[in-house]
N, C-alpha and C. Protein backbone atom coordinates (compact mmCIF):
# COMPACT_ATOMS: atom_id res chain seq x y z
N MET A 1 188.64 170.97 -156.45
CA MET A 1 187.85 170.66 -155.28
C MET A 1 186.86 171.80 -155.07
N SER A 2 185.66 171.45 -154.75
CA SER A 2 184.60 172.43 -154.52
C SER A 2 184.76 173.09 -153.16
N HIS A 3 184.33 174.34 -153.07
CA HIS A 3 184.40 175.06 -151.80
C HIS A 3 183.31 174.61 -150.83
N SER A 4 182.28 173.93 -151.32
CA SER A 4 181.17 173.58 -150.44
C SER A 4 181.36 172.22 -149.78
N HIS A 5 182.42 171.48 -150.14
CA HIS A 5 182.59 170.15 -149.57
C HIS A 5 184.08 169.82 -149.50
N ASN A 6 184.60 169.65 -148.31
CA ASN A 6 186.01 169.34 -148.13
C ASN A 6 186.20 167.85 -147.96
N VAL A 7 187.17 167.28 -148.69
CA VAL A 7 187.44 165.85 -148.62
C VAL A 7 188.93 165.64 -148.40
N THR A 8 189.29 164.71 -147.49
CA THR A 8 190.68 164.42 -147.22
C THR A 8 191.21 163.43 -148.25
N HIS A 9 192.50 163.08 -148.12
CA HIS A 9 193.10 162.11 -149.03
C HIS A 9 192.47 160.74 -148.87
N GLU A 10 191.97 160.43 -147.69
CA GLU A 10 191.34 159.14 -147.46
C GLU A 10 189.90 159.11 -147.95
N GLY A 11 189.38 160.21 -148.43
CA GLY A 11 188.02 160.27 -148.95
C GLY A 11 186.98 160.56 -147.88
N GLU A 12 187.41 160.94 -146.68
CA GLU A 12 186.46 161.23 -145.62
C GLU A 12 185.92 162.64 -145.78
N SER A 13 184.64 162.78 -145.55
CA SER A 13 184.00 164.08 -145.65
C SER A 13 184.23 164.89 -144.39
N HIS A 14 184.50 166.18 -144.57
CA HIS A 14 184.67 167.07 -143.44
C HIS A 14 183.62 168.16 -143.44
N GLY A 15 182.48 167.91 -144.04
CA GLY A 15 181.37 168.85 -143.98
C GLY A 15 181.45 169.94 -145.00
N SER A 16 180.38 170.70 -145.05
CA SER A 16 180.28 171.82 -145.98
C SER A 16 180.15 173.10 -145.19
N TYR A 17 180.24 174.22 -145.89
CA TYR A 17 180.07 175.50 -145.23
C TYR A 17 178.67 175.59 -144.61
N GLY A 18 177.70 175.04 -145.31
CA GLY A 18 176.33 175.06 -144.81
C GLY A 18 176.18 174.32 -143.49
N SER A 19 176.86 173.16 -143.37
CA SER A 19 176.76 172.41 -142.11
C SER A 19 177.47 173.15 -140.98
N TYR A 20 178.59 173.81 -141.29
CA TYR A 20 179.27 174.60 -140.26
C TYR A 20 178.41 175.79 -139.82
N ILE A 21 177.77 176.46 -140.75
CA ILE A 21 176.91 177.59 -140.42
C ILE A 21 175.72 177.11 -139.59
N THR A 22 175.12 175.99 -139.98
CA THR A 22 174.00 175.42 -139.22
C THR A 22 174.43 175.08 -137.80
N GLY A 23 175.58 174.44 -137.66
CA GLY A 23 176.09 174.10 -136.34
C GLY A 23 176.37 175.34 -135.51
N PHE A 24 176.94 176.35 -136.12
CA PHE A 24 177.25 177.59 -135.42
C PHE A 24 175.98 178.28 -134.93
N ILE A 25 174.98 178.35 -135.81
CA ILE A 25 173.71 178.99 -135.43
C ILE A 25 173.03 178.22 -134.30
N LEU A 26 173.00 176.89 -134.40
CA LEU A 26 172.41 176.09 -133.33
C LEU A 26 173.17 176.28 -132.01
N ALA A 27 174.50 176.32 -132.07
CA ALA A 27 175.30 176.51 -130.86
C ALA A 27 175.02 177.88 -130.24
N VAL A 28 174.90 178.91 -131.06
CA VAL A 28 174.59 180.24 -130.54
C VAL A 28 173.21 180.27 -129.91
N ILE A 29 172.22 179.66 -130.56
CA ILE A 29 170.86 179.63 -130.02
C ILE A 29 170.83 178.90 -128.68
N LEU A 30 171.52 177.77 -128.59
CA LEU A 30 171.54 177.02 -127.34
C LEU A 30 172.25 177.79 -126.23
N THR A 31 173.32 178.49 -126.57
CA THR A 31 174.03 179.29 -125.58
C THR A 31 173.16 180.45 -125.08
N VAL A 32 172.51 181.14 -126.00
CA VAL A 32 171.64 182.25 -125.62
C VAL A 32 170.46 181.74 -124.79
N ALA A 33 169.92 180.58 -125.15
CA ALA A 33 168.80 180.01 -124.39
C ALA A 33 169.22 179.70 -122.96
N ALA A 34 170.38 179.08 -122.79
CA ALA A 34 170.87 178.78 -121.44
C ALA A 34 171.11 180.06 -120.65
N PHE A 35 171.71 181.04 -121.29
CA PHE A 35 171.96 182.33 -120.64
C PHE A 35 170.65 182.99 -120.23
N ALA A 36 169.65 182.95 -121.11
CA ALA A 36 168.36 183.57 -120.83
C ALA A 36 167.65 182.88 -119.67
N VAL A 37 167.74 181.56 -119.60
CA VAL A 37 167.11 180.82 -118.51
C VAL A 37 167.70 181.25 -117.17
N VAL A 38 169.01 181.44 -117.13
CA VAL A 38 169.66 181.82 -115.87
C VAL A 38 169.39 183.28 -115.53
N VAL A 39 169.50 184.17 -116.51
CA VAL A 39 169.38 185.60 -116.25
C VAL A 39 167.94 185.98 -115.87
N THR A 40 166.95 185.41 -116.54
CA THR A 40 165.57 185.79 -116.28
C THR A 40 165.02 185.17 -115.00
N LYS A 41 165.72 184.16 -114.47
CA LYS A 41 165.26 183.46 -113.26
C LYS A 41 163.82 182.99 -113.41
N ALA A 42 163.50 182.44 -114.58
CA ALA A 42 162.15 181.99 -114.89
C ALA A 42 161.76 180.75 -114.10
N PHE A 43 162.74 179.98 -113.65
CA PHE A 43 162.47 178.73 -112.94
C PHE A 43 163.14 178.76 -111.58
N ASP A 44 162.75 177.81 -110.73
CA ASP A 44 163.45 177.69 -109.45
C ASP A 44 164.83 177.06 -109.70
N PHE A 45 165.63 176.96 -108.64
CA PHE A 45 167.02 176.53 -108.79
C PHE A 45 167.14 175.17 -109.47
N TRP A 46 166.41 174.17 -108.99
CA TRP A 46 166.57 172.81 -109.51
C TRP A 46 166.07 172.68 -110.94
N THR A 47 164.99 173.36 -111.27
CA THR A 47 164.49 173.33 -112.65
C THR A 47 165.48 174.01 -113.58
N THR A 48 166.04 175.13 -113.13
CA THR A 48 167.06 175.83 -113.93
C THR A 48 168.27 174.93 -114.15
N LEU A 49 168.69 174.22 -113.11
CA LEU A 49 169.82 173.30 -113.23
C LEU A 49 169.54 172.21 -114.26
N VAL A 50 168.34 171.65 -114.24
CA VAL A 50 167.97 170.60 -115.20
C VAL A 50 167.90 171.16 -116.62
N VAL A 51 167.30 172.33 -116.78
CA VAL A 51 167.16 172.93 -118.12
C VAL A 51 168.52 173.27 -118.71
N VAL A 52 169.39 173.88 -117.91
CA VAL A 52 170.72 174.25 -118.40
C VAL A 52 171.53 172.99 -118.70
N SER A 53 171.40 171.95 -117.89
CA SER A 53 172.09 170.69 -118.15
C SER A 53 171.60 170.05 -119.45
N ALA A 54 170.29 170.07 -119.66
CA ALA A 54 169.73 169.51 -120.90
C ALA A 54 170.23 170.29 -122.12
N LEU A 55 170.24 171.62 -122.00
CA LEU A 55 170.76 172.44 -123.10
C LEU A 55 172.23 172.16 -123.36
N ALA A 56 172.99 171.90 -122.30
CA ALA A 56 174.41 171.57 -122.46
C ALA A 56 174.59 170.24 -123.19
N VAL A 57 173.78 169.26 -122.86
CA VAL A 57 173.86 167.96 -123.54
C VAL A 57 173.50 168.11 -125.01
N VAL A 58 172.46 168.87 -125.30
CA VAL A 58 172.08 169.11 -126.70
C VAL A 58 173.20 169.83 -127.44
N GLN A 59 173.86 170.77 -126.76
CA GLN A 59 174.95 171.48 -127.41
C GLN A 59 176.13 170.55 -127.68
N ILE A 60 176.39 169.62 -126.78
CA ILE A 60 177.45 168.63 -127.02
C ILE A 60 177.12 167.82 -128.28
N VAL A 61 175.87 167.41 -128.41
CA VAL A 61 175.45 166.65 -129.59
C VAL A 61 175.62 167.49 -130.85
N VAL A 62 175.25 168.76 -130.80
CA VAL A 62 175.41 169.65 -131.96
C VAL A 62 176.88 169.74 -132.36
N HIS A 63 177.76 169.90 -131.38
CA HIS A 63 179.20 170.00 -131.68
C HIS A 63 179.73 168.70 -132.25
N VAL A 64 179.31 167.58 -131.70
CA VAL A 64 179.79 166.28 -132.18
C VAL A 64 179.33 166.04 -133.62
N VAL A 65 178.10 166.38 -133.91
CA VAL A 65 177.55 166.11 -135.24
C VAL A 65 178.05 167.12 -136.28
N PHE A 66 177.97 168.41 -135.97
CA PHE A 66 178.25 169.43 -136.98
C PHE A 66 179.73 169.81 -137.08
N PHE A 67 180.49 169.68 -135.99
CA PHE A 67 181.89 170.11 -136.03
C PHE A 67 182.87 168.93 -136.03
N LEU A 68 182.56 167.87 -135.29
CA LEU A 68 183.43 166.69 -135.30
C LEU A 68 183.00 165.67 -136.35
N HIS A 69 181.82 165.86 -136.94
CA HIS A 69 181.30 165.05 -138.05
C HIS A 69 181.19 163.58 -137.68
N MET A 70 180.82 163.29 -136.44
CA MET A 70 180.60 161.90 -136.05
C MET A 70 179.17 161.52 -136.41
N ASN A 71 179.04 160.34 -136.98
CA ASN A 71 177.72 159.82 -137.30
C ASN A 71 177.76 158.30 -137.17
N THR A 72 176.73 157.65 -137.59
CA THR A 72 176.65 156.19 -137.42
C THR A 72 177.08 155.43 -138.67
N SER A 73 177.77 156.07 -139.59
CA SER A 73 178.22 155.37 -140.79
C SER A 73 179.31 154.36 -140.43
N SER A 74 179.54 153.41 -141.31
CA SER A 74 180.53 152.37 -141.03
C SER A 74 181.95 152.94 -140.95
N LYS A 75 182.23 154.03 -141.65
CA LYS A 75 183.56 154.64 -141.59
C LYS A 75 183.82 155.29 -140.24
N GLN A 76 182.77 155.72 -139.57
CA GLN A 76 182.90 156.42 -138.30
C GLN A 76 182.71 155.49 -137.09
N ARG A 77 182.54 154.20 -137.33
CA ARG A 77 182.21 153.28 -136.24
C ARG A 77 183.23 153.30 -135.11
N TRP A 78 184.53 153.23 -135.42
CA TRP A 78 185.54 153.21 -134.37
C TRP A 78 185.62 154.54 -133.64
N ASN A 79 185.49 155.63 -134.37
CA ASN A 79 185.48 156.94 -133.72
C ASN A 79 184.29 157.07 -132.77
N LEU A 80 183.13 156.59 -133.21
CA LEU A 80 181.93 156.66 -132.39
C LEU A 80 182.06 155.77 -131.16
N MET A 81 182.59 154.57 -131.32
CA MET A 81 182.77 153.66 -130.19
C MET A 81 183.76 154.24 -129.19
N THR A 82 184.83 154.83 -129.67
CA THR A 82 185.82 155.46 -128.79
C THR A 82 185.20 156.63 -128.04
N PHE A 83 184.40 157.42 -128.72
CA PHE A 83 183.75 158.56 -128.10
C PHE A 83 182.77 158.09 -127.02
N ILE A 84 182.00 157.06 -127.31
CA ILE A 84 181.04 156.53 -126.33
C ILE A 84 181.78 155.98 -125.11
N LEU A 85 182.87 155.26 -125.32
CA LEU A 85 183.66 154.75 -124.20
C LEU A 85 184.22 155.89 -123.35
N THR A 86 184.68 156.95 -123.99
CA THR A 86 185.19 158.11 -123.27
C THR A 86 184.08 158.76 -122.44
N VAL A 87 182.91 158.93 -123.03
CA VAL A 87 181.78 159.53 -122.31
C VAL A 87 181.39 158.67 -121.11
N LEU A 88 181.32 157.35 -121.31
CA LEU A 88 180.98 156.45 -120.20
C LEU A 88 182.03 156.51 -119.10
N SER A 89 183.30 156.57 -119.47
CA SER A 89 184.37 156.66 -118.46
C SER A 89 184.25 157.95 -117.66
N VAL A 90 184.01 159.05 -118.34
CA VAL A 90 183.86 160.33 -117.64
C VAL A 90 182.64 160.30 -116.73
N LEU A 91 181.53 159.74 -117.19
CA LEU A 91 180.34 159.64 -116.36
C LEU A 91 180.58 158.80 -115.12
N ILE A 92 181.29 157.69 -115.27
CA ILE A 92 181.59 156.83 -114.12
C ILE A 92 182.48 157.57 -113.13
N ILE A 93 183.48 158.27 -113.63
CA ILE A 93 184.39 159.01 -112.74
C ILE A 93 183.64 160.13 -112.02
N VAL A 94 182.82 160.89 -112.74
CA VAL A 94 182.08 161.99 -112.12
C VAL A 94 181.07 161.45 -111.12
N ALA A 95 180.31 160.42 -111.51
CA ALA A 95 179.32 159.85 -110.59
C ALA A 95 179.99 159.26 -109.36
N GLY A 96 181.10 158.57 -109.54
CA GLY A 96 181.82 158.01 -108.41
C GLY A 96 182.36 159.08 -107.49
N THR A 97 182.89 160.14 -108.05
CA THR A 97 183.40 161.24 -107.24
C THR A 97 182.28 161.91 -106.46
N LEU A 98 181.15 162.16 -107.12
CA LEU A 98 180.02 162.76 -106.41
C LEU A 98 179.50 161.85 -105.31
N PHE A 99 179.46 160.55 -105.56
CA PHE A 99 179.00 159.60 -104.54
C PHE A 99 179.94 159.61 -103.34
N VAL A 100 181.23 159.58 -103.59
CA VAL A 100 182.20 159.57 -102.50
C VAL A 100 182.10 160.87 -101.70
N MET A 101 181.99 162.00 -102.38
CA MET A 101 181.89 163.28 -101.68
C MET A 101 180.60 163.36 -100.86
N TRP A 102 179.49 162.92 -101.43
CA TRP A 102 178.21 162.94 -100.72
C TRP A 102 178.26 162.00 -99.52
N ASN A 103 178.80 160.81 -99.72
CA ASN A 103 178.88 159.82 -98.66
C ASN A 103 179.78 160.33 -97.53
N THR A 104 180.90 160.92 -97.86
CA THR A 104 181.80 161.47 -96.85
C THR A 104 181.13 162.60 -96.09
N GLN A 105 180.45 163.47 -96.81
CA GLN A 105 179.77 164.59 -96.17
C GLN A 105 178.67 164.09 -95.23
N MET A 106 177.93 163.08 -95.64
CA MET A 106 176.85 162.55 -94.80
C MET A 106 177.42 161.92 -93.54
N HIS A 107 178.52 161.19 -93.63
CA HIS A 107 179.10 160.55 -92.47
C HIS A 107 179.78 161.54 -91.54
N MET A 108 180.34 162.60 -92.08
CA MET A 108 181.02 163.57 -91.22
C MET A 108 180.02 164.51 -90.54
N MET A 109 178.89 164.76 -91.19
CA MET A 109 177.88 165.64 -90.60
C MET A 109 177.08 164.93 -89.51
N SER A 110 177.10 163.61 -89.51
CA SER A 110 176.31 162.87 -88.52
C SER A 110 177.01 162.79 -87.17
N ARG A 111 178.25 163.21 -87.08
CA ARG A 111 178.98 163.14 -85.80
C ARG A 111 178.65 164.26 -84.90
C-alpha cells in the first residue's frame, strides 16, 4: 500500500497526505483570519459577526471535504444525505430556540 493514499477493505478512499496538509493549511488560514478580524476591530460589531460566521461556515466545509472526505460521489450519497439532514435539524432547533427566546423577551419587556 502506498503512503500517499489510504484505502480501507471496502475500497473507500481516505485521502492522501497532500489533502490532509491542504486541509490543515486552509483551516489554519481561516482560523487566523477570524482571529485577525476580531483582534484588529476592523469592522463594526454586526459586520464582524457576519464575517466570522462566514469564515466558520467555510471552515466547516473545509473540514467536511478534507478531513471527513465527504463528496458528491455515489458511494458517499448516504453519508452526505445524513449529514445534510443533521445540519437541517440543528438549524431548525437553533432557529426555533432563538425565535422562542426573542419572542419571550419581547413579550416580557412590553409589560
